[in-house]
All heavy atoms as atom14 arrays in JSON, in Angstrom:
{
  "sequence": "GRLRDKSRRVLEIREVTGYDYESGEIVTSVLYEFLEDGKQKEGRVV",
  "atom14_mask": [
    [1, 1, 1, 1, 0, 0, 0, 0, 0, 0, 0, 0, 0, 0],
    [1, 1, 1, 1, 1, 1, 1, 1, 1, 1, 1, 0, 0, 0],
    [1, 1, 1, 1, 1, 1, 1, 1, 0, 0, 0, 0, 0, 0],
    [1, 1, 1, 1, 1, 1, 1, 1, 1, 1, 1, 0, 0, 0],
    [1, 1, 1, 1, 1, 1, 1, 1, 0, 0, 0, 0, 0, 0],
    [1, 1, 1, 1, 1, 1, 1, 1, 1, 0, 0, 0, 0, 0],
    [1, 1, 1, 1, 1, 1, 0, 0, 0, 0, 0, 0, 0, 0],
    [1, 1, 1, 1, 1, 1, 1, 1, 1, 1, 1, 0, 0, 0],
    [1, 1, 1, 1, 1, 1, 1, 1, 1, 1, 1, 0, 0, 0],
    [1, 1, 1, 1, 1, 1, 1, 0, 0, 0, 0, 0, 0, 0],
    [1, 1, 1, 1, 1, 1, 1, 1, 0, 0, 0, 0, 0, 0],
    [1, 1, 1, 1, 1, 1, 1, 1, 1, 0, 0, 0, 0, 0],
    [1, 1, 1, 1, 1, 1, 1, 1, 0, 0, 0, 0, 0, 0],
    [1, 1, 1, 1, 1, 1, 1, 1, 1, 1, 1, 0, 0, 0],
    [1, 1, 1, 1, 1, 1, 1, 1, 1, 0, 0, 0, 0, 0],
    [1, 1, 1, 1, 1, 1, 1, 0, 0, 0, 0, 0, 0, 0],
    [1, 1, 1, 1, 1, 1, 1, 0, 0, 0, 0, 0, 0, 0],
    [1, 1, 1, 1, 0, 0, 0, 0, 0, 0, 0, 0, 0, 0],
    [1, 1, 1, 1, 1, 1, 1, 1, 1, 1, 1, 1, 0, 0],
    [1, 1, 1, 1, 1, 1, 1, 1, 0, 0, 0, 0, 0, 0],
    [1, 1, 1, 1, 1, 1, 1, 1, 1, 1, 1, 1, 0, 0],
    [1, 1, 1, 1, 1, 1, 1, 1, 1, 0, 0, 0, 0, 0],
    [1, 1, 1, 1, 1, 1, 0, 0, 0, 0, 0, 0, 0, 0],
    [1, 1, 1, 1, 0, 0, 0, 0, 0, 0, 0, 0, 0, 0],
    [1, 1, 1, 1, 1, 1, 1, 1, 1, 0, 0, 0, 0, 0],
    [1, 1, 1, 1, 1, 1, 1, 1, 0, 0, 0, 0, 0, 0],
    [1, 1, 1, 1, 1, 1, 1, 0, 0, 0, 0, 0, 0, 0],
    [1, 1, 1, 1, 1, 1, 1, 0, 0, 0, 0, 0, 0, 0],
    [1, 1, 1, 1, 1, 1, 0, 0, 0, 0, 0, 0, 0, 0],
    [1, 1, 1, 1, 1, 1, 1, 0, 0, 0, 0, 0, 0, 0],
    [1, 1, 1, 1, 1, 1, 1, 1, 0, 0, 0, 0, 0, 0],
    [1, 1, 1, 1, 1, 1, 1, 1, 1, 1, 1, 1, 0, 0],
    [1, 1, 1, 1, 1, 1, 1, 1, 1, 0, 0, 0, 0, 0],
    [1, 1, 1, 1, 1, 1, 1, 1, 1, 1, 1, 0, 0, 0],
    [1, 1, 1, 1, 1, 1, 1, 1, 0, 0, 0, 0, 0, 0],
    [1, 1, 1, 1, 1, 1, 1, 1, 1, 0, 0, 0, 0, 0],
    [1, 1, 1, 1, 1, 1, 1, 1, 0, 0, 0, 0, 0, 0],
    [1, 1, 1, 1, 0, 0, 0, 0, 0, 0, 0, 0, 0, 0],
    [1, 1, 1, 1, 1, 1, 1, 1, 1, 0, 0, 0, 0, 0],
    [1, 1, 1, 1, 1, 1, 1, 1, 1, 0, 0, 0, 0, 0],
    [1, 1, 1, 1, 1, 1, 1, 1, 1, 0, 0, 0, 0, 0],
    [1, 1, 1, 1, 1, 1, 1, 1, 1, 0, 0, 0, 0, 0],
    [1, 1, 1, 1, 0, 0, 0, 0, 0, 0, 0, 0, 0, 0],
    [1, 1, 1, 1, 1, 1, 1, 1, 1, 1, 1, 0, 0, 0],
    [1, 1, 1, 1, 1, 1, 1, 0, 0, 0, 0, 0, 0, 0],
    [1, 1, 1, 1, 1, 1, 1, 0, 0, 0, 0, 0, 0, 0]
  ],
  "atom14_positions": [
    [[-3.93, 0.71, -4.86], [-5.3, 1.13, -5.13], [-5.61, 2.46, -4.45], [-4.85, 2.95, -3.6], [0.0, 0.0, 0.0], [0.0, 0.0, 0.0], [0.0, 0.0, 0.0], [0.0, 0.0, 0.0], [0.0, 0.0, 0.0], [0.0, 0.0, 0.0], [0.0, 0.0, 0.0], [0.0, 0.0, 0.0], [0.0, 0.0, 0.0], [0.0, 0.0, 0.0]],
    [[-6.72, 3.05, -4.87], [-7.21, 4.28, -4.27], [-8.45, 3.96, -3.44], [-9.42, 3.39, -3.95], [-7.54, 5.32, -5.33], [-6.35, 5.73, -6.17], [-6.68, 6.82, -7.14], [-6.86, 8.11, -6.47], [-6.92, 9.27, -7.09], [-6.8, 9.32, -8.4], [-7.06, 10.39, -6.44], [0.0, 0.0, 0.0], [0.0, 0.0, 0.0], [0.0, 0.0, 0.0]],
    [[-8.4, 4.34, -2.17], [-9.53, 4.09, -1.28], [-10.59, 5.17, -1.47], [-10.4, 6.13, -2.22], [-9.05, 4.05, 0.17], [-7.95, 3.0, 0.47], [-7.6, 3.01, 1.95], [-8.39, 1.6, 0.04], [0.0, 0.0, 0.0], [0.0, 0.0, 0.0], [0.0, 0.0, 0.0], [0.0, 0.0, 0.0], [0.0, 0.0, 0.0], [0.0, 0.0, 0.0]],
    [[-11.71, 5.02, -0.8], [-12.82, 5.96, -0.99], [-12.49, 7.37, -0.52], [-13.18, 8.33, -0.89], [-14.07, 5.44, -0.26], [-13.91, 5.19, 1.22], [-15.16, 4.55, 1.8], [-15.02, 4.28, 3.22], [-14.42, 3.22, 3.71], [-13.92, 2.29, 2.88], [-14.33, 3.04, 5.01], [0.0, 0.0, 0.0], [0.0, 0.0, 0.0], [0.0, 0.0, 0.0]],
    [[-11.44, 7.52, 0.33], [-11.0, 8.85, 0.74], [-9.99, 9.43, -0.25], [-9.36, 10.45, 0.04], [-10.41, 8.82, 2.14], [-9.17, 7.92, 2.24], [-8.83, 7.26, 1.23], [-8.55, 7.88, 3.31], [0.0, 0.0, 0.0], [0.0, 0.0, 0.0], [0.0, 0.0, 0.0], [0.0, 0.0, 0.0], [0.0, 0.0, 0.0], [0.0, 0.0, 0.0]],
    [[-9.8, 8.75, -1.4], [-8.91, 9.17, -2.49], [-7.43, 8.95, -2.18], [-6.57, 9.34, -2.98], [-9.14, 10.64, -2.88], [-10.59, 11.01, -3.16], [-11.18, 10.18, -4.27], [-12.64, 10.58, -4.54], [-13.25, 9.73, -5.61], [0.0, 0.0, 0.0], [0.0, 0.0, 0.0], [0.0, 0.0, 0.0], [0.0, 0.0, 0.0], [0.0, 0.0, 0.0]],
    [[-7.11, 8.37, -1.04], [-5.72, 8.1, -0.72], [-5.23, 6.88, -1.48], [-5.98, 5.95, -1.76], [-5.54, 7.87, 0.79], [-6.27, 6.73, 1.22], [0.0, 0.0, 0.0], [0.0, 0.0, 0.0], [0.0, 0.0, 0.0], [0.0, 0.0, 0.0], [0.0, 0.0, 0.0], [0.0, 0.0, 0.0], [0.0, 0.0, 0.0], [0.0, 0.0, 0.0]],
    [[-3.94, 6.89, -1.82], [-3.31, 5.78, -2.53], [-2.58, 4.89, -1.52], [-1.76, 5.39, -0.74], [-2.35, 6.3, -3.59], [-3.02, 7.15, -4.68], [-1.98, 7.72, -5.63], [-2.57, 8.42, -6.78], [-2.84, 9.7, -6.81], [-2.57, 10.45, -5.75], [-3.38, 10.27, -7.88], [0.0, 0.0, 0.0], [0.0, 0.0, 0.0], [0.0, 0.0, 0.0]],
    [[-2.85, 3.6, -1.57], [-2.25, 2.67, -0.6], [-1.76, 1.4, -1.29], [-2.28, 1.01, -2.34], [-3.29, 2.25, 0.46], [-4.0, 3.39, 1.17], [-3.15, 4.03, 2.25], [-3.94, 5.03, 2.97], [-4.57, 4.8, 4.12], [-4.5, 3.58, 4.69], [-5.27, 5.75, 4.73], [0.0, 0.0, 0.0], [0.0, 0.0, 0.0], [0.0, 0.0, 0.0]],
    [[-0.77, 0.78, -0.67], [-0.42, -0.6, -1.04], [-1.47, -1.5, -0.4], [-1.63, -1.52, 0.82], [0.99, -0.98, -0.54], [1.27, -2.45, -0.82], [2.04, -0.11, -1.2], [0.0, 0.0, 0.0], [0.0, 0.0, 0.0], [0.0, 0.0, 0.0], [0.0, 0.0, 0.0], [0.0, 0.0, 0.0], [0.0, 0.0, 0.0], [0.0, 0.0, 0.0]],
    [[-2.21, -2.22, -1.21], [-3.32, -3.03, -0.71], [-2.95, -4.5, -0.51], [-3.55, -5.17, 0.33], [-4.51, -2.93, -1.68], [-5.1, -1.52, -1.89], [-6.28, -1.58, -2.84], [-5.5, -0.89, -0.57], [0.0, 0.0, 0.0], [0.0, 0.0, 0.0], [0.0, 0.0, 0.0], [0.0, 0.0, 0.0], [0.0, 0.0, 0.0], [0.0, 0.0, 0.0]],
    [[-1.98, -4.96, -1.27], [-1.64, -6.38, -1.17], [-0.27, -6.64, -1.79], [0.11, -6.0, -2.76], [-2.69, -7.24, -1.88], [-2.61, -8.73, -1.58], [-3.75, -9.51, -2.22], [-4.9, -9.0, -2.22], [-3.48, -10.62, -2.73], [0.0, 0.0, 0.0], [0.0, 0.0, 0.0], [0.0, 0.0, 0.0], [0.0, 0.0, 0.0], [0.0, 0.0, 0.0]],
    [[0.45, -7.56, -1.18], [1.72, -8.05, -1.74], [1.63, -9.57, -1.78], [1.37, -10.21, -0.77], [2.93, -7.6, -0.9], [3.02, -6.08, -0.86], [4.22, -8.18, -1.48], [4.11, -5.55, 0.03], [0.0, 0.0, 0.0], [0.0, 0.0, 0.0], [0.0, 0.0, 0.0], [0.0, 0.0, 0.0], [0.0, 0.0, 0.0], [0.0, 0.0, 0.0]],
    [[1.86, -10.11, -2.96], [1.79, -11.56, -3.15], [3.1, -12.08, -3.71], [3.74, -11.43, -4.54], [0.66, -11.95, -4.1], [-0.71, -11.91, -3.51], [-1.67, -12.69, -4.39], [-3.05, -12.44, -4.04], [-4.07, -13.13, -4.5], [-3.83, -14.15, -5.36], [-5.29, -12.84, -4.15], [0.0, 0.0, 0.0], [0.0, 0.0, 0.0], [0.0, 0.0, 0.0]],
    [[3.45, -13.27, -3.28], [4.58, -13.98, -3.87], [4.03, -14.99, -4.88], [3.07, -15.71, -4.59], [5.38, -14.71, -2.79], [6.57, -15.48, -3.36], [7.18, -16.41, -2.33], [6.56, -16.67, -1.3], [8.29, -16.9, -2.6], [0.0, 0.0, 0.0], [0.0, 0.0, 0.0], [0.0, 0.0, 0.0], [0.0, 0.0, 0.0], [0.0, 0.0, 0.0]],
    [[4.61, -15.03, -6.05], [4.29, -16.07, -7.03], [5.2, -17.25, -6.73], [6.41, -17.19, -6.95], [4.49, -15.56, -8.47], [4.14, -16.66, -9.47], [3.64, -14.32, -8.73], [0.0, 0.0, 0.0], [0.0, 0.0, 0.0], [0.0, 0.0, 0.0], [0.0, 0.0, 0.0], [0.0, 0.0, 0.0], [0.0, 0.0, 0.0], [0.0, 0.0, 0.0]],
    [[4.62, -18.32, -6.21], [5.42, -19.44, -5.72], [5.68, -20.51, -6.77], [6.55, -21.36, -6.59], [4.75, -20.08, -4.49], [3.42, -20.49, -4.84], [4.7, -19.09, -3.35], [0.0, 0.0, 0.0], [0.0, 0.0, 0.0], [0.0, 0.0, 0.0], [0.0, 0.0, 0.0], [0.0, 0.0, 0.0], [0.0, 0.0, 0.0], [0.0, 0.0, 0.0]],
    [[4.94, -20.51, -7.87], [5.19, -21.5, -8.91], [3.94, -21.85, -9.7], [2.94, -21.12, -9.68], [0.0, 0.0, 0.0], [0.0, 0.0, 0.0], [0.0, 0.0, 0.0], [0.0, 0.0, 0.0], [0.0, 0.0, 0.0], [0.0, 0.0, 0.0], [0.0, 0.0, 0.0], [0.0, 0.0, 0.0], [0.0, 0.0, 0.0], [0.0, 0.0, 0.0]],
    [[4.02, -23.0, -10.35], [2.93, -23.46, -11.21], [2.5, -24.85, -10.75], [3.34, -25.74, -10.55], [3.39, -23.49, -12.67], [2.39, -24.09, -13.63], [1.29, -23.38, -14.07], [2.56, -25.4, -14.1], [0.38, -23.93, -14.95], [1.66, -25.95, -15.0], [0.56, -25.21, -15.41], [-0.35, -25.77, -16.3], [0.0, 0.0, 0.0], [0.0, 0.0, 0.0]],
    [[1.21, -25.03, -10.56], [0.66, -26.31, -10.14], [0.27, -27.12, -11.38], [-0.67, -26.78, -12.09], [-0.58, -26.09, -9.25], [-1.08, -27.38, -8.62], [-0.86, -28.47, -9.19], [-1.71, -27.3, -7.55], [0.0, 0.0, 0.0], [0.0, 0.0, 0.0], [0.0, 0.0, 0.0], [0.0, 0.0, 0.0], [0.0, 0.0, 0.0], [0.0, 0.0, 0.0]],
    [[1.01, -28.21, -11.63], [0.77, -29.02, -12.82], [-0.57, -29.73, -12.78], [-1.18, -30.0, -13.82], [1.9, -30.04, -13.01], [3.15, -29.44, -13.6], [4.11, -28.86, -12.78], [3.36, -29.43, -14.96], [5.25, -28.3, -13.32], [4.5, -28.87, -15.51], [5.45, -28.31, -14.69], [6.59, -27.74, -15.22], [0.0, 0.0, 0.0], [0.0, 0.0, 0.0]],
    [[-1.06, -30.06, -11.6], [-2.33, -30.77, -11.48], [-3.52, -29.88, -11.82], [-4.4, -30.26, -12.59], [-2.49, -31.34, -10.07], [-1.52, -32.48, -9.75], [-1.8, -33.1, -8.4], [-2.81, -32.7, -7.75], [-1.04, -33.99, -7.99], [0.0, 0.0, 0.0], [0.0, 0.0, 0.0], [0.0, 0.0, 0.0], [0.0, 0.0, 0.0], [0.0, 0.0, 0.0]],
    [[-3.55, -28.69, -11.25], [-4.67, -27.77, -11.49], [-4.47, -26.91, -12.71], [-5.42, -26.33, -13.24], [-4.89, -26.88, -10.26], [-3.78, -26.03, -10.06], [0.0, 0.0, 0.0], [0.0, 0.0, 0.0], [0.0, 0.0, 0.0], [0.0, 0.0, 0.0], [0.0, 0.0, 0.0], [0.0, 0.0, 0.0], [0.0, 0.0, 0.0], [0.0, 0.0, 0.0]],
    [[-3.2, -26.76, -13.15], [-2.9, -25.88, -14.28], [-2.98, -24.41, -13.95], [-3.17, -23.58, -14.83], [0.0, 0.0, 0.0], [0.0, 0.0, 0.0], [0.0, 0.0, 0.0], [0.0, 0.0, 0.0], [0.0, 0.0, 0.0], [0.0, 0.0, 0.0], [0.0, 0.0, 0.0], [0.0, 0.0, 0.0], [0.0, 0.0, 0.0], [0.0, 0.0, 0.0]],
    [[-2.83, -24.07, -12.65], [-2.96, -22.69, -12.2], [-1.63, -22.16, -11.67], [-0.78, -22.93, -11.2], [-4.02, -22.58, -11.09], [-5.42, -23.01, -11.49], [-6.1, -22.04, -12.45], [-5.67, -20.86, -12.48], [-7.04, -22.44, -13.16], [0.0, 0.0, 0.0], [0.0, 0.0, 0.0], [0.0, 0.0, 0.0], [0.0, 0.0, 0.0], [0.0, 0.0, 0.0]],
    [[-1.49, -20.85, -11.74], [-0.35, -20.18, -11.12], [-0.61, -20.1, -9.62], [-1.69, -19.69, -9.18], [-0.14, -18.77, -11.7], [0.17, -18.85, -13.19], [0.99, -18.04, -10.97], [0.17, -17.5, -13.88], [0.0, 0.0, 0.0], [0.0, 0.0, 0.0], [0.0, 0.0, 0.0], [0.0, 0.0, 0.0], [0.0, 0.0, 0.0], [0.0, 0.0, 0.0]],
    [[0.35, -20.49, -8.82], [0.18, -20.53, -7.37], [0.78, -19.27, -6.76], [1.93, -18.91, -7.06], [0.84, -21.78, -6.76], [0.58, -21.83, -5.25], [0.33, -23.04, -7.43], [0.0, 0.0, 0.0], [0.0, 0.0, 0.0], [0.0, 0.0, 0.0], [0.0, 0.0, 0.0], [0.0, 0.0, 0.0], [0.0, 0.0, 0.0], [0.0, 0.0, 0.0]],
    [[0.01, -18.61, -5.93], [0.49, -17.41, -5.25], [0.25, -17.51, -3.75], [-0.59, -18.3, -3.31], [-0.2, -16.14, -5.78], [-1.61, -16.19, -5.47], [0.0, -15.98, -7.28], [0.0, 0.0, 0.0], [0.0, 0.0, 0.0], [0.0, 0.0, 0.0], [0.0, 0.0, 0.0], [0.0, 0.0, 0.0], [0.0, 0.0, 0.0], [0.0, 0.0, 0.0]],
    [[0.98, -16.72, -3.01], [0.85, -16.69, -1.56], [0.8, -15.25, -1.09], [1.67, -14.45, -1.44], [2.03, -17.42, -0.91], [2.01, -17.28, 0.5], [0.0, 0.0, 0.0], [0.0, 0.0, 0.0], [0.0, 0.0, 0.0], [0.0, 0.0, 0.0], [0.0, 0.0, 0.0], [0.0, 0.0, 0.0], [0.0, 0.0, 0.0], [0.0, 0.0, 0.0]],
    [[-0.23, -14.89, -0.32], [-0.37, -13.53, 0.2], [0.63, -13.3, 1.32], [0.65, -14.04, 2.3], [-1.81, -13.27, 0.69], [-1.92, -11.84, 1.25], [-2.81, -13.46, -0.43], [0.0, 0.0, 0.0], [0.0, 0.0, 0.0], [0.0, 0.0, 0.0], [0.0, 0.0, 0.0], [0.0, 0.0, 0.0], [0.0, 0.0, 0.0], [0.0, 0.0, 0.0]],
    [[1.47, -12.27, 1.17], [2.45, -11.93, 2.19], [1.94, -10.82, 3.09], [2.06, -10.89, 4.31], [3.77, -11.52, 1.53], [4.39, -12.51, 0.56], [5.68, -11.97, -0.02], [4.64, -13.86, 1.23], [0.0, 0.0, 0.0], [0.0, 0.0, 0.0], [0.0, 0.0, 0.0], [0.0, 0.0, 0.0], [0.0, 0.0, 0.0], [0.0, 0.0, 0.0]],
    [[1.39, -9.77, 2.5], [0.82, -8.64, 3.23], [-0.52, -8.28, 2.61], [-0.69, -8.34, 1.4], [1.73, -7.42, 3.2], [2.99, -7.54, 4.04], [4.16, -8.03, 3.48], [2.99, -7.15, 5.37], [5.32, -8.13, 4.23], [4.14, -7.23, 6.13], [5.3, -7.73, 5.56], [6.44, -7.83, 6.32], [0.0, 0.0, 0.0], [0.0, 0.0, 0.0]],
    [[-1.45, -7.88, 3.47], [-2.78, -7.49, 3.01], [-3.28, -6.3, 3.81], [-3.19, -6.29, 5.04], [-3.76, -8.66, 3.14], [-5.14, -8.4, 2.53], [-6.04, -9.6, 2.65], [-5.77, -10.5, 3.48], [-7.03, -9.67, 1.89], [0.0, 0.0, 0.0], [0.0, 0.0, 0.0], [0.0, 0.0, 0.0], [0.0, 0.0, 0.0], [0.0, 0.0, 0.0]],
    [[-3.82, -5.29, 3.13], [-4.35, -4.11, 3.8], [-5.75, -4.41, 4.32], [-6.63, -4.87, 3.6], [-4.41, -2.92, 2.83], [-4.95, -1.66, 3.45], [-4.12, -0.81, 4.17], [-6.29, -1.32, 3.32], [-4.61, 0.35, 4.74], [-6.79, -0.16, 3.9], [-5.95, 0.68, 4.6], [0.0, 0.0, 0.0], [0.0, 0.0, 0.0], [0.0, 0.0, 0.0]],
    [[-5.96, -4.12, 5.6], [-7.26, -4.32, 6.24], [-7.68, -3.03, 6.92], [-6.9, -2.42, 7.65], [-7.2, -5.47, 7.25], [-6.87, -6.87, 6.7], [-6.74, -7.87, 7.83], [-7.94, -7.32, 5.7], [0.0, 0.0, 0.0], [0.0, 0.0, 0.0], [0.0, 0.0, 0.0], [0.0, 0.0, 0.0], [0.0, 0.0, 0.0], [0.0, 0.0, 0.0]],
    [[-8.91, -2.63, 6.67], [-9.45, -1.45, 7.33], [-9.85, -1.75, 8.76], [-10.26, -2.87, 9.09], [-10.67, -0.91, 6.56], [-10.34, -0.34, 5.19], [-11.55, 0.32, 4.55], [-12.44, 0.78, 5.31], [-11.62, 0.38, 3.31], [0.0, 0.0, 0.0], [0.0, 0.0, 0.0], [0.0, 0.0, 0.0], [0.0, 0.0, 0.0], [0.0, 0.0, 0.0]],
    [[-9.75, -0.73, 9.61], [-10.18, -0.86, 11.0], [-11.65, -0.51, 11.19], [-12.17, -0.58, 12.3], [-9.33, 0.04, 11.9], [-7.87, -0.42, 11.96], [-7.62, -1.59, 11.59], [-7.0, 0.37, 12.37], [0.0, 0.0, 0.0], [0.0, 0.0, 0.0], [0.0, 0.0, 0.0], [0.0, 0.0, 0.0], [0.0, 0.0, 0.0], [0.0, 0.0, 0.0]],
    [[-12.3, -0.12, 10.1], [-13.71, 0.27, 10.18], [-13.93, 1.66, 10.75], [-15.04, 2.03, 11.09], [0.0, 0.0, 0.0], [0.0, 0.0, 0.0], [0.0, 0.0, 0.0], [0.0, 0.0, 0.0], [0.0, 0.0, 0.0], [0.0, 0.0, 0.0], [0.0, 0.0, 0.0], [0.0, 0.0, 0.0], [0.0, 0.0, 0.0], [0.0, 0.0, 0.0]],
    [[-12.88, 2.45, 10.86], [-12.98, 3.79, 11.41], [-12.44, 4.81, 10.41], [-11.74, 4.47, 9.46], [-12.2, 3.89, 12.72], [-12.64, 2.9, 13.8], [-11.76, 3.02, 15.03], [-12.17, 2.0, 16.09], [-11.26, 2.07, 17.27], [0.0, 0.0, 0.0], [0.0, 0.0, 0.0], [0.0, 0.0, 0.0], [0.0, 0.0, 0.0], [0.0, 0.0, 0.0]],
    [[-12.75, 6.03, 10.66], [-12.23, 7.14, 9.88], [-11.68, 8.21, 10.82], [-12.26, 8.49, 11.86], [-13.28, 7.75, 8.96], [-13.56, 6.92, 7.72], [-14.31, 7.7, 6.67], [-14.92, 8.7, 6.94], [-14.26, 7.23, 5.45], [0.0, 0.0, 0.0], [0.0, 0.0, 0.0], [0.0, 0.0, 0.0], [0.0, 0.0, 0.0], [0.0, 0.0, 0.0]],
    [[-10.54, 8.79, 10.47], [-9.94, 9.85, 11.24], [-9.72, 11.04, 10.33], [-8.95, 10.98, 9.38], [-8.6, 9.38, 11.84], [-7.97, 10.38, 12.79], [-6.68, 9.83, 13.38], [-6.04, 10.84, 14.32], [-4.76, 10.32, 14.9], [0.0, 0.0, 0.0], [0.0, 0.0, 0.0], [0.0, 0.0, 0.0], [0.0, 0.0, 0.0], [0.0, 0.0, 0.0]],
    [[-10.43, 12.12, 10.62], [-10.37, 13.34, 9.8], [-10.69, 13.04, 8.35], [-10.03, 13.54, 7.42], [-8.99, 14.0, 9.94], [-8.66, 14.43, 11.35], [-7.26, 15.0, 11.48], [-6.5, 14.92, 10.49], [-6.92, 15.53, 12.55], [0.0, 0.0, 0.0], [0.0, 0.0, 0.0], [0.0, 0.0, 0.0], [0.0, 0.0, 0.0], [0.0, 0.0, 0.0]],
    [[-11.71, 12.18, 8.14], [-12.16, 11.84, 6.8], [-11.28, 10.86, 6.06], [-11.5, 10.56, 4.89], [0.0, 0.0, 0.0], [0.0, 0.0, 0.0], [0.0, 0.0, 0.0], [0.0, 0.0, 0.0], [0.0, 0.0, 0.0], [0.0, 0.0, 0.0], [0.0, 0.0, 0.0], [0.0, 0.0, 0.0], [0.0, 0.0, 0.0], [0.0, 0.0, 0.0]],
    [[-10.26, 10.33, 6.72], [-9.31, 9.41, 6.1], [-9.56, 7.99, 6.6], [-9.8, 7.77, 7.79], [-7.87, 9.84, 6.43], [-6.79, 9.11, 5.67], [-5.44, 9.71, 5.97], [-4.34, 8.94, 5.39], [-3.88, 9.08, 4.18], [-4.43, 10.0, 3.39], [-2.88, 8.35, 3.71], [0.0, 0.0, 0.0], [0.0, 0.0, 0.0], [0.0, 0.0, 0.0]],
    [[-9.51, 7.04, 5.69], [-9.7, 5.64, 6.04], [-8.56, 5.17, 6.94], [-7.39, 5.42, 6.65], [-9.78, 4.77, 4.77], [-9.81, 3.29, 5.14], [-10.99, 5.15, 3.94], [0.0, 0.0, 0.0], [0.0, 0.0, 0.0], [0.0, 0.0, 0.0], [0.0, 0.0, 0.0], [0.0, 0.0, 0.0], [0.0, 0.0, 0.0], [0.0, 0.0, 0.0]],
    [[-8.91, 4.49, 8.01], [-7.92, 3.97, 8.95], [-7.74, 2.48, 8.71], [-8.7, 1.72, 8.65], [-8.34, 4.22, 10.42], [-7.32, 3.62, 11.38], [-8.49, 5.71, 10.67], [0.0, 0.0, 0.0], [0.0, 0.0, 0.0], [0.0, 0.0, 0.0], [0.0, 0.0, 0.0], [0.0, 0.0, 0.0], [0.0, 0.0, 0.0], [0.0, 0.0, 0.0]]
  ]
}
């Protein structure tokens, strides 16, 4: 995705672990997730 500072980042990586027959949904698991620190350095999202 592109953040508000126009930089391109990997925001999330998910593993598709399978299919749940009971719910009928595709099951995924978050492996990595981008989190902001709430700060900016030289106009760039940290």
